Structure formats: C-alpha cells, structure tokens
C-alpha atoms as a PDB file:
ATOM      1  CA  UNK A   1       8.094 -35.769  11.436  1.00  0.00           C
ATOM      2  CA  UNK A   2      11.085 -33.850  13.171  1.00  0.00           C
ATOM      3  CA  UNK A   3      13.604 -34.242  10.232  1.00  0.00           C
ATOM      4  CA  UNK A   4      11.100 -32.986   7.469  1.00  0.00           C
ATOM      5  CA  UNK A   5      10.368 -30.073   9.166  1.00  0.00           C
ATOM      6  CA  UNK A   6      14.207 -29.712   9.998  1.00  0.00           C
ATOM      7  CA  UNK A   7      14.594 -29.861   6.021  1.00  0.00           C
ATOM      8  CA  UNK A   8      11.279 -27.650   5.352  1.00  0.00           C
ATOM      9  CA  UNK A   9      13.188 -24.491   7.628  1.00  0.00           C
ATOM     10  CA  UNK A  10      16.753 -25.403   5.625  1.00  0.00           C
ATOM     11  CA  UNK A  11      14.513 -24.755   2.269  1.00  0.00           C
ATOM     12  CA  UNK A  12      12.830 -21.722   3.602  1.00  0.00           C
ATOM     13  CA  UNK A  13      16.348 -20.245   4.543  1.00  0.00           C
ATOM     14  CA  UNK A  14      17.600 -20.611   1.540  1.00  0.00           C
ATOM     15  CA  UNK A  15      14.792 -19.570  -0.523  1.00  0.00           C
ATOM     16  CA  UNK A  16      15.055 -16.415   1.806  1.00  0.00           C
ATOM     17  CA  UNK A  17      18.884 -16.253   0.591  1.00  0.00           C
ATOM     18  CA  UNK A  18      17.973 -16.256  -2.979  1.00  0.00           C
ATOM     19  CA  UNK A  19      15.060 -13.332  -2.541  1.00  0.00           C
ATOM     20  CA  UNK A  20      17.942 -11.159  -0.829  1.00  0.00           C
ATOM     21  CA  UNK A  21      20.209 -11.543  -3.612  1.00  0.00           C
ATOM     22  CA  UNK A  22      17.377 -10.884  -6.209  1.00  0.00           C
ATOM     23  CA  UNK A  23      16.597  -7.661  -4.476  1.00  0.00           C
ATOM     24  CA  UNK A  24      20.275  -6.659  -4.488  1.00  0.00           C
ATOM     25  CA  UNK A  25      20.618  -7.145  -8.011  1.00  0.00           C
ATOM     26  CA  UNK A  26      17.729  -5.180  -8.719  1.00  0.00           C
ATOM     27  CA  UNK A  27      18.797  -2.461  -6.818  1.00  0.00           C
ATOM     28  CA  UNK A  28      22.197  -2.433  -8.457  1.00  0.00           C
ATOM     29  CA  UNK A  29      20.608  -2.613 -12.135  1.00  0.00           C
ATOM     30  CA  UNK A  30      18.309   0.288 -10.789  1.00  0.00           C
ATOM     31  CA  UNK A  31      21.508   2.534  -9.796  1.00  0.00           C
ATOM     32  CA  UNK A  32      23.483   1.496 -12.899  1.00  0.00           C
ATOM     33  CA  UNK A  33      20.469   2.532 -15.051  1.00  0.00           C
ATOM     34  CA  UNK A  34      20.138   6.080 -13.174  1.00  0.00           C
ATOM     35  CA  UNK A  35      23.868   6.655 -13.469  1.00  0.00           C
ATOM     36  CA  UNK A  36      23.872   5.798 -17.306  1.00  0.00           C
ATOM     37  CA  UNK A  37      20.457   8.005 -17.728  1.00  0.00           C
ATOM     38  CA  UNK A  38      22.601  10.751 -15.891  1.00  0.00           C
ATOM     39  CA  UNK A  39      25.432  10.723 -17.856  1.00  0.00           C
ATOM     40  CA  UNK A  40      23.307  10.956 -21.293  1.00  0.00           C
ATOM     41  CA  UNK A  41      21.664  13.669 -20.341  1.00  0.00           C
ATOM     42  CA  UNK A  42      24.845  15.516 -19.200  1.00  0.00           C
ATOM     43  CA  UNK A  43      26.039  14.785 -22.827  1.00  0.00           C
ATOM     44  CA  UNK A  44      22.702  16.029 -24.392  1.00  0.00           C
ATOM     45  CA  UNK A  45      23.170  19.377 -21.920  1.00  0.00           C
ATOM     46  CA  UNK A  46      26.670  19.650 -23.114  1.00  0.00           C
ATOM     47  CA  UNK A  47      26.236  19.692 -26.905  1.00  0.00           C
ATOM     48  CA  UNK A  48      22.726  21.661 -26.388  1.00  0.00           C
ATOM     49  CA  UNK A  49      25.179  24.412 -24.852  1.00  0.00           C
ATOM     50  CA  UNK A  50      27.503  24.095 -27.437  1.00  0.00           C
ATOM     51  CA  UNK A  51      24.978  24.408 -30.092  1.00  0.00           C
ATOM     52  CA  UNK A  52      23.794  27.363 -28.694  1.00  0.00           C
ATOM     53  CA  UNK A  53      27.104  29.235 -28.400  1.00  0.00           C
ATOM     54  CA  UNK A  54      28.077  28.977 -31.390  1.00  0.00           C
END
C-alpha cells in the first residue's frame, strides 16, 4: 500500500510540473502577442502620420 501511495505522489508531482510548464508557455505566448500588436500599432501610427504630413 505504501508503494502505491509513493507512486501516486510522484505522479502528482509530475502533473504539477507539466501544469507549471504550460502556464509559463501561455505567459510567453501572451507577451509575444502583445509585443507583436504593439509593433503593428506603431507601424500604423507612423504610416498615418506620414500620410497626413504629406
């Protein structure tokens, strides 16, 4: 019985590790998306300024 409990605890630790990895990947994806959106907004702003300035 004690062996099964130890195995279960080890599996639980593994699951938590994968959950943490998944959370970090999601955070990185969100940051990359925000960075990309900010860059696109900057480009649009520059184009709009140049169009109005001409």
